[in-house]
Protein backbone atom coordinates (compact mmCIF):
# COMPACT_ATOMS: atom_id res chain seq x y z
CA MET A 1 141.33 -48.97 124.00
CA SER A 2 144.08 -49.05 121.37
CA ASN A 3 144.58 -45.98 119.16
CA GLN A 4 145.57 -48.21 116.26
CA PRO A 5 143.40 -48.19 113.11
CA LYS A 6 140.20 -50.09 113.74
CA LEU A 7 138.50 -52.78 111.72
CA ASP A 8 136.40 -51.08 109.01
CA PHE A 9 134.28 -53.98 107.78
CA ILE A 10 133.51 -57.63 108.40
CA LEU A 11 132.48 -60.34 105.97
CA ILE A 12 130.05 -62.50 107.95
CA GLY A 13 128.57 -64.61 105.21
CA ALA A 14 127.01 -67.84 106.43
CA MET A 15 129.45 -70.74 106.60
CA LYS A 16 129.84 -72.52 103.21
CA SER A 17 128.36 -69.55 101.36
CA GLY A 18 131.39 -68.47 99.36
CA THR A 19 133.05 -66.23 101.92
CA THR A 20 136.51 -67.67 101.21
CA SER A 21 136.26 -66.75 97.52
CA LEU A 22 134.97 -63.30 98.32
CA ALA A 23 137.66 -62.72 100.94
CA ASP A 24 140.40 -63.83 98.54
CA ASN A 25 139.26 -61.32 95.94
CA LEU A 26 138.77 -58.50 98.43
CA ALA A 27 142.26 -59.10 99.79
CA VAL A 28 143.96 -58.18 96.50
CA HIS A 29 142.20 -54.80 96.22
CA PRO A 30 144.85 -52.08 96.72
CA GLN A 31 142.64 -50.14 99.14
CA ILE A 32 141.92 -53.11 101.42
CA ASN A 33 144.06 -54.62 104.17
CA PHE A 34 142.40 -58.00 104.78
CA SER A 35 143.26 -60.10 107.82
CA GLU A 36 145.57 -63.10 107.74
CA PRO A 37 144.13 -65.54 108.58
CA LYS A 38 140.81 -64.79 106.96
CA GLU A 39 138.97 -65.90 110.12
CA PRO A 40 140.76 -64.68 113.27
CA HIS A 41 137.70 -65.47 115.46
CA PHE A 42 138.96 -62.60 117.60
CA PHE A 43 135.65 -61.26 118.89
CA CYS A 44 134.46 -64.76 119.79
CA ASN A 45 136.71 -64.43 122.83
CA SER A 46 135.29 -62.61 125.84
CA ASP A 47 138.74 -61.22 126.70
CA TRP A 48 139.23 -59.49 123.32
CA ARG A 49 139.65 -56.08 124.99
CA LYS A 50 142.90 -57.28 126.57
CA ARG A 51 144.24 -58.73 123.32
CA LEU A 52 143.99 -55.86 120.84
CA LYS A 53 147.74 -55.83 120.23
CA GLU A 54 147.50 -59.49 119.27
CA TYR A 55 144.72 -58.63 116.81
CA GLU A 56 146.99 -56.06 115.16
CA LYS A 57 149.26 -58.88 114.01
CA CYS A 58 146.48 -60.15 111.72
CA PHE A 59 146.89 -57.11 109.46
CA LYS A 60 150.15 -57.18 107.55
CA LEU A 61 150.07 -53.61 106.24
CA ASN A 62 150.50 -50.72 108.67
CA ASP A 63 148.80 -48.14 106.46
CA GLN A 64 146.01 -46.08 108.02
CA ASN A 65 144.66 -45.20 104.57
CA LEU A 66 143.68 -48.81 103.88
CA LEU A 67 140.36 -50.33 104.93
CA ARG A 68 140.74 -53.18 107.36
CA GLY A 69 138.50 -56.20 106.92
CA GLU A 70 138.15 -59.77 108.15
CA GLY A 71 135.85 -62.73 107.48
CA THR A 72 135.03 -64.81 110.55
CA THR A 73 131.88 -66.80 109.74
CA SER A 74 131.30 -67.55 113.44
CA TYR A 75 130.17 -63.95 113.85
CA ALA A 76 126.95 -65.09 112.13
CA LYS A 77 126.22 -68.19 114.20
CA TYR A 78 123.68 -66.86 116.66
CA PRO A 79 122.97 -67.97 119.38
CA MET A 80 126.43 -69.56 119.65
CA HIS A 81 128.08 -66.19 120.40
CA PRO A 82 125.27 -63.89 121.61
CA HIS A 83 127.65 -61.10 122.69
CA ILE A 84 129.29 -60.63 119.28
CA VAL A 85 127.16 -57.80 117.89
CA GLU A 86 127.33 -55.61 120.99
CA ASP A 87 131.08 -56.20 121.30
CA LEU A 88 131.67 -55.25 117.67
CA TYR A 89 129.62 -52.09 118.15
CA GLU A 90 131.63 -51.22 121.26
CA TYR A 91 134.83 -51.74 119.27
CA ASN A 92 133.69 -49.65 116.28
CA PRO A 93 130.14 -48.25 115.94
CA ASN A 94 130.94 -47.29 112.33
CA LEU A 95 131.76 -50.87 111.33
CA LYS A 96 130.24 -52.04 108.03
CA ILE A 97 128.86 -55.55 107.62
CA ILE A 98 128.81 -57.64 104.42
CA TYR A 99 126.54 -60.68 104.67
CA LEU A 100 126.74 -63.38 101.98
CA MET A 101 123.82 -65.86 101.84
CA ARG A 102 123.40 -69.13 99.94
CA GLU A 103 120.34 -71.27 99.21
CA PRO A 104 119.87 -72.83 102.68
CA VAL A 105 119.44 -76.53 101.82
CA SER A 106 122.63 -76.75 99.75
CA ARG A 107 124.42 -74.68 102.37
CA ALA A 108 123.36 -77.03 105.19
CA ILE A 109 124.54 -80.09 103.26
CA SER A 110 127.93 -78.47 102.62
CA HIS A 111 128.11 -77.44 106.27
CA TYR A 112 127.53 -81.04 107.40
CA ILE A 113 130.16 -82.45 105.02
CA HIS A 114 132.66 -79.86 106.17
CA CYS A 115 132.06 -80.79 109.82
CA VAL A 116 132.38 -84.53 109.14
CA LEU A 117 135.64 -84.14 107.25
CA ARG A 118 137.05 -81.90 109.97
CA LYS A 119 135.99 -84.39 112.67
CA PHE A 120 133.55 -81.92 114.25
CA GLU A 121 130.53 -84.10 113.44
CA HIS A 122 130.35 -87.75 114.49
CA GLU A 123 126.88 -88.60 113.19
CA LYS A 124 127.56 -90.44 109.94
CA GLU A 125 123.93 -90.50 108.77
CA ILE A 126 123.40 -87.09 107.18
CA ASN A 127 119.61 -87.04 107.46
CA LYS A 128 119.74 -87.62 111.22
CA ALA A 129 122.44 -85.00 111.65
CA LEU A 130 120.56 -82.33 109.69
CA LEU A 131 117.41 -82.97 111.74
CA ASN A 132 119.05 -83.25 115.15
CA ASN A 133 121.76 -80.58 115.09
CA SER A 134 120.06 -77.18 115.03
CA GLU A 135 123.26 -75.41 113.98
CA TYR A 136 122.85 -76.64 110.39
CA VAL A 137 119.43 -75.00 110.09
CA ASN A 138 120.05 -71.96 112.28
CA THR A 139 123.14 -70.89 110.35
CA GLY A 140 120.92 -70.71 107.25
CA ARG A 141 118.20 -68.72 108.99
CA TYR A 142 119.58 -65.54 107.57
CA TYR A 143 117.20 -63.00 109.02
CA MET A 144 117.68 -64.43 112.51
CA GLN A 145 121.44 -64.06 112.04
CA ILE A 146 121.45 -60.57 110.57
CA GLU A 147 118.62 -58.99 112.60
CA PRO A 148 120.87 -58.20 115.61
CA TYR A 149 123.26 -56.36 113.28
CA LEU A 150 120.40 -54.44 111.69
CA ASN A 151 119.06 -53.45 115.10
CA VAL A 152 122.43 -52.31 116.46
CA PHE A 153 124.25 -50.91 113.42
CA GLY A 154 121.31 -49.90 111.20
CA ARG A 155 120.34 -50.96 107.70
CA HIS A 156 122.72 -48.47 106.07
CA GLN A 157 125.74 -50.29 107.52
CA VAL A 158 124.68 -53.75 106.31
CA LEU A 159 125.12 -55.06 102.74
CA LEU A 160 123.12 -58.20 101.88
CA LEU A 161 124.49 -60.33 99.03
CA PRO A 162 122.95 -63.54 97.62
CA PHE A 163 125.71 -66.07 96.89
CA GLU A 164 124.02 -67.16 93.66
CA GLU A 165 124.21 -63.62 92.29
CA TYR A 166 127.86 -63.43 93.28
CA ILE A 167 128.58 -66.56 91.22
CA GLN A 168 126.48 -65.49 88.23
CA ASN A 169 127.44 -61.80 88.21
CA SER A 170 130.67 -61.33 90.14
CA ILE A 171 131.41 -57.94 88.62
CA GLY A 172 128.00 -56.58 89.58
CA THR A 173 128.51 -57.87 93.11
CA TYR A 174 131.91 -56.21 93.39
CA GLU A 175 130.47 -52.93 92.16
CA LYS A 176 127.95 -53.11 95.02
CA ILE A 177 130.76 -53.81 97.47
CA ALA A 178 132.88 -50.95 96.12
CA ASN A 179 130.00 -48.52 96.49
CA PHE A 180 129.23 -49.82 99.98
CA LEU A 181 132.84 -49.54 101.20
CA GLU A 182 133.41 -46.32 99.23
CA ILE A 183 136.44 -47.63 97.37
CA GLU A 184 137.43 -47.71 93.70
CA LYS A 185 135.65 -50.36 91.64
CA ASP A 186 138.19 -50.47 88.80
CA PRO A 187 140.61 -52.88 90.58
CA PHE A 188 137.75 -55.38 90.84
CA LEU A 189 136.96 -55.00 87.14
CA LYS A 190 140.59 -55.62 86.15
CA GLN A 191 141.36 -58.60 88.36
CA LYS A 192 140.58 -62.21 87.52
CA VAL A 193 137.76 -63.16 89.86
CA THR A 194 138.24 -66.58 91.48
CA HIS A 195 135.82 -68.87 93.27
CA SER A 196 137.59 -70.98 95.88
CA ASN A 197 134.62 -73.18 96.74
CA ARG A 198 132.65 -73.70 93.55
CA GLY A 199 131.57 -77.15 94.74
CA ILE A 200 130.18 -78.00 98.14
CA GLY A 201 133.43 -78.75 99.88
CA LEU A 202 133.69 -82.43 98.99
CA TYR A 203 137.35 -82.75 99.87
CA ARG A 204 138.91 -84.63 102.76
CA ASP A 205 141.83 -82.92 104.48
CA ASP A 206 144.61 -85.21 105.61
CA GLN A 207 144.41 -85.42 109.40
CA ARG A 208 148.19 -85.77 109.53
CA VAL A 209 148.41 -82.11 108.52
CA ASP A 210 146.20 -81.17 111.49
CA LYS A 211 148.50 -83.10 113.82
CA LEU A 212 151.58 -81.49 112.31
CA LEU A 213 150.24 -77.94 112.57
CA THR A 214 149.14 -78.44 116.17
CA ASN A 215 152.34 -80.17 117.27
CA SER A 216 153.40 -78.54 120.53
CA SER A 217 157.03 -78.16 119.46
CA LEU A 218 156.10 -76.40 116.22
CA THR A 219 153.50 -74.25 117.95
CA LYS A 220 156.22 -72.72 120.12
CA LEU A 221 158.10 -71.67 116.98
CA LYS A 222 155.16 -70.15 115.10
CA ASP A 223 155.61 -66.64 116.48
CA LEU A 224 159.06 -66.51 114.90
CA PHE A 225 157.44 -66.32 111.46
CA PRO A 226 155.03 -63.76 109.99
CA GLN A 227 151.34 -64.65 109.91
CA SER A 228 151.28 -64.45 106.10
CA LEU A 229 153.97 -67.15 105.83
CA ARG A 230 152.24 -69.40 108.37
CA THR A 231 148.93 -69.09 106.53
CA PHE A 232 150.58 -69.81 103.17
CA VAL A 233 152.34 -72.93 104.50
CA ALA A 234 149.15 -74.28 106.11
CA LYS A 235 147.06 -73.72 102.97
CA SER A 236 149.73 -75.31 100.78
CA LEU A 237 149.96 -78.41 102.96
CA TYR A 238 146.19 -78.90 102.92
CA GLN A 239 145.99 -78.41 99.14
CA LEU A 240 148.79 -80.89 98.49
CA THR A 241 147.37 -83.62 100.71
CA ARG A 242 143.59 -83.31 100.38
CA SER A 243 141.67 -85.95 98.47
CA LYS A 244 138.26 -85.85 96.85
CA VAL A 245 135.37 -87.55 98.62
CA SER A 246 134.16 -90.44 96.49
CA GLU A 247 130.46 -90.30 97.36
CA VAL A 248 128.10 -87.47 98.19
CA PRO A 249 125.78 -88.43 101.07
CA LYS A 250 122.14 -88.78 100.07
CA VAL A 251 119.66 -86.39 101.63
CA ASN A 252 116.03 -87.40 101.32
CA ASP A 253 113.45 -84.97 99.95
CA ARG A 254 111.58 -84.71 103.23
CA VAL A 255 114.68 -83.46 105.03
CA LYS A 256 115.38 -80.96 102.25
CA GLU A 257 111.82 -79.68 102.57
CA TYR A 258 112.18 -79.53 106.35
CA ILE A 259 115.26 -77.31 106.05
CA TYR A 260 113.54 -75.12 103.49
CA ARG A 261 110.44 -74.77 105.64
CA ALA A 262 112.54 -73.84 108.68
CA SER A 263 114.32 -71.17 106.63
CA ARG A 264 111.41 -69.89 104.54
CA GLY A 265 110.27 -67.13 106.89
CA ASP A 266 113.80 -65.78 107.11
CA LEU A 267 114.20 -65.90 103.33
CA ASN A 268 111.01 -63.90 102.87
CA LYS A 269 112.19 -61.21 105.31
CA ILE A 270 115.59 -61.00 103.63
CA GLU A 271 113.89 -60.63 100.25
CA ASP A 272 111.79 -57.80 101.68
CA LEU A 273 115.03 -56.04 102.63
CA LEU A 274 116.56 -56.74 99.21
CA GLY A 275 113.42 -55.56 97.43
CA TYR A 276 113.21 -58.60 95.15
CA ARG A 277 112.73 -62.38 95.18
CA VAL A 278 115.74 -64.72 94.84
CA ASP A 279 114.16 -67.58 92.89
CA SER A 280 117.02 -70.03 93.42
CA TRP A 281 116.42 -69.95 97.17
CA HIS A 282 113.00 -71.55 96.71
CA LYS A 283 113.82 -74.58 94.57
CA TYR A 284 112.83 -76.96 97.36
CA SER A 285 109.44 -75.34 97.84
CA SER A 286 106.43 -77.60 97.30
CA LYS A 287 102.82 -77.90 98.40
CA SER A 288 103.81 -80.80 100.66
CA VAL A 289 105.86 -78.43 102.80
CA GLU A 290 102.72 -76.99 104.36
CA ASN A 291 101.70 -80.30 105.95
CA LEU A 292 105.10 -81.87 106.41
CA ASN A 293 105.62 -83.65 109.73
CA ILE A 294 109.08 -84.92 110.59
């Protein structure tokens, strides 16, 4: 296996849980070399062992004193990629894991909207989609997602972070991260903390940009330019052409309660690990949940 510096930590927050904001702010810390793109999806490929040199290109700084990190949310989509945890452990048994978690009902709604706008989801009726596609619920079953990491890497190598606390107390969250990664906290205190996805992703990306970026002629030329430039151009094109979605799809209360009920056991186990209750995670709790039949 390559003797190059290995990945030191991964940010595997559940999809639509603020990982983009967190990654953006981690990337500017002078002791961190964060991947470009933020989500290389490298270990989702079974042939990753043969492509380590390709992975090196995701890290722009060749400084062994910097911590390497990346933020592929698919690493926390069990059972979609059941081999991920063991492969990561094989790659680096000392890897540290940061897991960002958001109130599961809001997260599932954002997840659905994201998939519709990106043409991954063809069911236009949100209530049917949330009930029939298990990925929306399973991604928010946080203990199910993080348990394999806890079993393989150990609790001491896993940092659990509620998204709501990150939004309300960013500095406190970054102090936890600094202590966990054993880096200086002062750069976090001095920088202006940004939140890239303060809403729930209600923006439609222009599909013409997708077609342009995947054009076969342009694809052949991409390796002529550094990854950082390619990422910057892609982000700029999307930001310039995206438009706001006019209407938020309506989710009925029974479906919200269904998602909460499906996630509740996982939330309780995560709270046991945290040592405290996250009240905002339980806003869809009600007595009717106990006897709900959908």
